[in-house]
C-alpha atoms as a PDB file:
ATOM      1  CA  MET A   1       0.000   0.000   0.000  1.00  0.00           C
ATOM      2  CA  MET A   2       2.819   2.372   0.803  1.00  0.00           C
ATOM      3  CA  ILE A   3       4.522   1.527  -2.475  1.00  0.00           C
ATOM      4  CA  SER A   4       1.427   2.279  -4.513  1.00  0.00           C
ATOM      5  CA  ALA A   5       0.989   5.651  -2.722  1.00  0.00           C
ATOM      6  CA  LEU A   6       4.625   6.417  -3.433  1.00  0.00           C
ATOM      7  CA  ARG A   7       4.165   5.496  -7.088  1.00  0.00           C
ATOM      8  CA  ARG A   8       1.052   7.654  -7.283  1.00  0.00           C
ATOM      9  CA  ASN A   9       2.950  10.620  -5.806  1.00  0.00           C
ATOM     10  CA  THR A  10       5.867  10.050  -8.169  1.00  0.00           C
ATOM     11  CA  ILE A  11       3.540   9.914 -11.173  1.00  0.00           C
ATOM     12  CA  THR A  12       1.745  13.050  -9.969  1.00  0.00           C
ATOM     13  CA  ILE A  13       5.063  14.892  -9.592  1.00  0.00           C
ATOM     14  CA  MET A  14       6.175  13.770 -13.070  1.00  0.00           C
ATOM     15  CA  ILE A  15       2.913  14.926 -14.635  1.00  0.00           C
ATOM     16  CA  THR A  16       3.094  18.241 -12.753  1.00  0.00           C
ATOM     17  CA  ASN A  17       6.687  18.833 -13.914  1.00  0.00           C
ATOM     18  CA  ARG A  18       5.781  18.023 -17.505  1.00  0.00           C
ATOM     19  CA  THR A  19       2.781  20.388 -17.362  1.00  0.00           C
ATOM     20  CA  MET A  20       4.926  23.158 -15.876  1.00  0.00           C
ATOM     21  CA  LYS A  21       7.537  22.708 -18.622  1.00  0.00           C
ATOM     22  CA  ASN A  22       4.852  22.804 -21.318  1.00  0.00           C
ATOM     23  CA  ASN A  23       3.363  25.967 -19.816  1.00  0.00           C
ATOM     24  CA  TYR A  24       6.810  27.540 -19.561  1.00  0.00           C
ATOM     25  CA  ASN A  25       7.516  26.724 -23.224  1.00  0.00           C
ATOM     26  CA  LYS A  26       4.162  28.186 -24.275  1.00  0.00           C
ATOM     27  CA  ILE A  27       4.860  31.375 -22.333  1.00  0.00           C
ATOM     28  CA  GLU A  28       8.320  31.683 -23.899  1.00  0.00           C
ATOM     29  CA  LEU A  29       6.924  31.132 -27.392  1.00  0.00           C
ATOM     30  CA  LEU A  30       4.187  33.679 -26.782  1.00  0.00           C
ATOM     31  CA  ARG A  31       6.754  36.171 -25.507  1.00  0.00           C
ATOM     32  CA  LEU A  32       8.988  35.670 -28.573  1.00  0.00           C
ATOM     33  CA  LEU A  33       5.996  36.009 -30.886  1.00  0.00           C
ATOM     34  CA  LEU A  34       4.960  39.241 -29.195  1.00  0.00           C
ATOM     35  CA  ILE A  35       8.470  40.690 -29.492  1.00  0.00           C
ATOM     36  CA  THR A  36       8.707  39.702 -33.171  1.00  0.00           C
ATOM     37  CA  VAL A  37       5.327  41.197 -34.040  1.00  0.00           C
ATOM     38  CA  SER A  38       6.229  44.398 -32.178  1.00  0.00           C
ATOM     39  CA  ILE A  39       9.491  44.760 -34.096  1.00  0.00           C
ATOM     40  CA  PHE A  40       7.768  44.268 -37.455  1.00  0.00           C
ATOM     41  CA  ALA A  41       5.056  46.752 -36.498  1.00  0.00           C
ATOM     42  CA  ILE A  42       7.608  49.389 -35.512  1.00  0.00           C
ATOM     43  CA  VAL A  43       9.739  48.882 -38.612  1.00  0.00           C
ATOM     44  CA  GLY A  44       6.720  48.746 -40.919  1.00  0.00           C
ATOM     45  CA  CYS A  45       5.182  51.919 -39.540  1.00  0.00           C
ATOM     46  CA  ASN A  46       8.387  53.927 -39.816  1.00  0.00           C
ATOM     47  CA  ASN A  47       9.080  53.500 -43.509  1.00  0.00           C
ATOM     48  CA  ILE A  48       7.644  55.484 -46.358  1.00  0.00           C
ATOM     49  CA  LYS A  49       4.803  53.697 -48.075  1.00  0.00           C
ATOM     50  CA  GLU A  50       5.880  52.715 -51.589  1.00  0.00           C
ATOM     51  CA  GLN A  51       2.473  53.412 -53.133  1.00  0.00           C
ATOM     52  CA  GLU A  52       2.445  56.950 -51.707  1.00  0.00           C
ATOM     53  CA  ILE A  53       5.834  57.616 -53.285  1.00  0.00           C
ATOM     54  CA  THR A  54       4.727  56.277 -56.661  1.00  0.00           C
ATOM     55  CA  ASN A  55       1.557  58.361 -56.579  1.00  0.00           C
ATOM     56  CA  ALA A  56       3.496  61.539 -55.708  1.00  0.00           C
ATOM     57  CA  PHE A  57       5.928  60.950 -58.576  1.00  0.00           C
ATOM     58  CA  LYS A  58       3.155  60.230 -61.105  1.00  0.00           C
ATOM     59  CA  LYS A  59       1.360  63.383 -59.976  1.00  0.00           C
ATOM     60  CA  THR A  60       4.398  65.587 -60.679  1.00  0.00           C
ATOM     61  CA  THR A  61       5.467  63.747 -63.859  1.00  0.00           C
ATOM     62  CA  PRO A  62       2.275  62.300 -65.375  1.00  0.00           C
ATOM     63  CA  ASP A  63       3.783  61.467 -68.785  1.00  0.00           C
ATOM     64  CA  ALA A  64       6.646  59.435 -67.276  1.00  0.00           C
ATOM     65  CA  VAL A  65       6.882  55.677 -67.685  1.00  0.00           C
ATOM     66  CA  LEU A  66       8.339  54.580 -64.350  1.00  0.00           C
ATOM     67  CA  LEU A  67      10.940  51.852 -64.865  1.00  0.00           C
ATOM     68  CA  GLU A  68      12.373  51.594 -61.379  1.00  0.00           C
ATOM     69  CA  GLN A  69      11.911  53.112 -57.950  1.00  0.00           C
ATOM     70  CA  PHE A  70      14.034  52.343 -54.912  1.00  0.00           C
ATOM     71  CA  VAL A  71      15.181  53.787 -51.617  1.00  0.00           C
ATOM     72  CA  GLY A  72      18.905  54.448 -51.548  1.00  0.00           C
ATOM     73  CA  GLU A  73      20.895  55.683 -48.592  1.00  0.00           C
ATOM     74  CA  GLY A  74      19.294  57.384 -45.622  1.00  0.00           C
ATOM     75  CA  ASP A  75      18.650  56.994 -41.926  1.00  0.00           C
ATOM     76  CA  SER A  76      15.620  56.630 -39.670  1.00  0.00           C
ATOM     77  CA  ASP A  77      14.439  60.188 -40.445  1.00  0.00           C
ATOM     78  CA  HIS A  78      15.645  60.648 -44.044  1.00  0.00           C
ATOM     79  CA  GLU A  79      15.261  58.511 -47.162  1.00  0.00           C
ATOM     80  CA  TYR A  80      16.604  59.168 -50.634  1.00  0.00           C
ATOM     81  CA  VAL A  81      14.168  57.775 -53.191  1.00  0.00           C
ATOM     82  CA  HIS A  82      15.468  57.158 -56.732  1.00  0.00           C
ATOM     83  CA  PHE A  83      13.141  57.197 -59.729  1.00  0.00           C
ATOM     84  CA  ARG A  84      14.297  55.897 -63.116  1.00  0.00           C
ATOM     85  CA  TYR A  85      11.944  56.542 -65.985  1.00  0.00           C
ATOM     86  CA  THR A  86      11.436  57.494 -69.602  1.00  0.00           C
ATOM     87  CA  ILE A  87       9.184  60.183 -71.055  1.00  0.00           C
ATOM     88  CA  GLY A  88       6.662  58.873 -73.571  1.00  0.00           C
ATOM     89  CA  GLN A  89       8.343  56.890 -76.363  1.00  0.00           C
ATOM     90  CA  SER A  90      11.812  58.366 -75.739  1.00  0.00           C
ATOM     91  CA  PRO A  91      14.559  55.748 -75.317  1.00  0.00           C
ATOM     92  CA  GLU A  92      16.504  58.055 -72.961  1.00  0.00           C
ATOM     93  CA  LYS A  93      16.356  56.872 -69.356  1.00  0.00           C
ATOM     94  CA  LEU A  94      16.189  59.650 -66.788  1.00  0.00           C
ATOM     95  CA  GLU A  95      16.661  59.634 -63.033  1.00  0.00           C
ATOM     96  CA  GLU A  96      15.513  61.844 -60.177  1.00  0.00           C
ATOM     97  CA  VAL A  97      16.308  61.608 -56.482  1.00  0.00           C
ATOM     98  CA  TRP A  98      13.865  62.915 -53.912  1.00  0.00           C
ATOM     99  CA  LEU A  99      14.856  63.427 -50.306  1.00  0.00           C
ATOM    100  CA  TYR A 100      12.060  62.537 -47.898  1.00  0.00           C
ATOM    101  CA  GLN A 101      12.188  63.653 -44.263  1.00  0.00           C
ATOM    102  CA  ARG A 102      10.085  62.335 -41.392  1.00  0.00           C
ATOM    103  CA  GLN A 103       7.987  65.066 -39.778  1.00  0.00           C
ATOM    104  CA  GLN A 104       7.036  65.457 -36.097  1.00  0.00           C
ATOM    105  CA  ASP A 105       3.654  63.832 -36.776  1.00  0.00           C
ATOM    106  CA  LYS A 106       5.460  60.759 -38.261  1.00  0.00           C
ATOM    107  CA  THR A 107       4.429  61.572 -41.837  1.00  0.00           C
ATOM    108  CA  TRP A 108       6.982  61.938 -44.621  1.00  0.00           C
ATOM    109  CA  LYS A 109       7.565  65.069 -46.701  1.00  0.00           C
ATOM    110  CA  VAL A 110       9.730  65.747 -49.771  1.00  0.00           C
ATOM    111  CA  ILE A 111      12.257  68.402 -48.806  1.00  0.00           C
ATOM    112  CA  ASN A 112      14.533  68.274 -51.864  1.00  0.00           C
ATOM    113  CA  LYS A 113      14.445  67.022 -55.467  1.00  0.00           C
ATOM    114  CA  SER A 114      17.475  66.454 -57.705  1.00  0.00           C
ATOM    115  CA  GLY A 115      17.283  65.847 -61.424  1.00  0.00           C
ATOM    116  CA  PRO A 116      16.201  64.862 -63.893  1.00  0.00           C
ATOM    117  CA  LYS A 117      19.565  63.625 -65.114  1.00  0.00           C
ATOM    118  CA  PRO A 118      20.502  60.710 -67.362  1.00  0.00           C
ATOM    119  CA  ALA A 119      19.997  57.462 -65.428  1.00  0.00           C
ATOM    120  CA  GLY A 120      23.086  56.455 -63.481  1.00  0.00           C
ATOM    121  CA  SER A 121      24.403  60.026 -63.189  1.00  0.00           C
ATOM    122  CA  LYS A 122      26.199  61.154 -60.080  1.00  0.00           C
ATOM    123  CA  PHE A 123      23.966  63.316 -57.931  1.00  0.00           C
ATOM    124  CA  GLY A 124      25.115  66.026 -55.568  1.00  0.00           C
ATOM    125  CA  ASP A 125      27.284  67.918 -58.077  1.00  0.00           C
END
């Protein structure tokens, strides 16, 4: 009788330990998931929205055929956006660089435009 009580207690302790480990693992996974989602939310909310950039460019240069658009150098508050395009049927590829700056209200605003120049030109001269 004492042996069976001892076995019952041992089994209960083993089950309790296993349950505690499973709960601990679930809590750790939940914590990691929460951290990951938070990081993606912060990073995603801080960048300029690509569609907004495209729309702004098309508004200022409606006859352009946009070939390429990408963010070059910058930091957390500044982004240099490069536009490579042609005008109508012209084979000449042009490029412009727009400097976007983050405002106090977390929106982005164009504060400088360079170009148009032939695509691949050095800017800043």
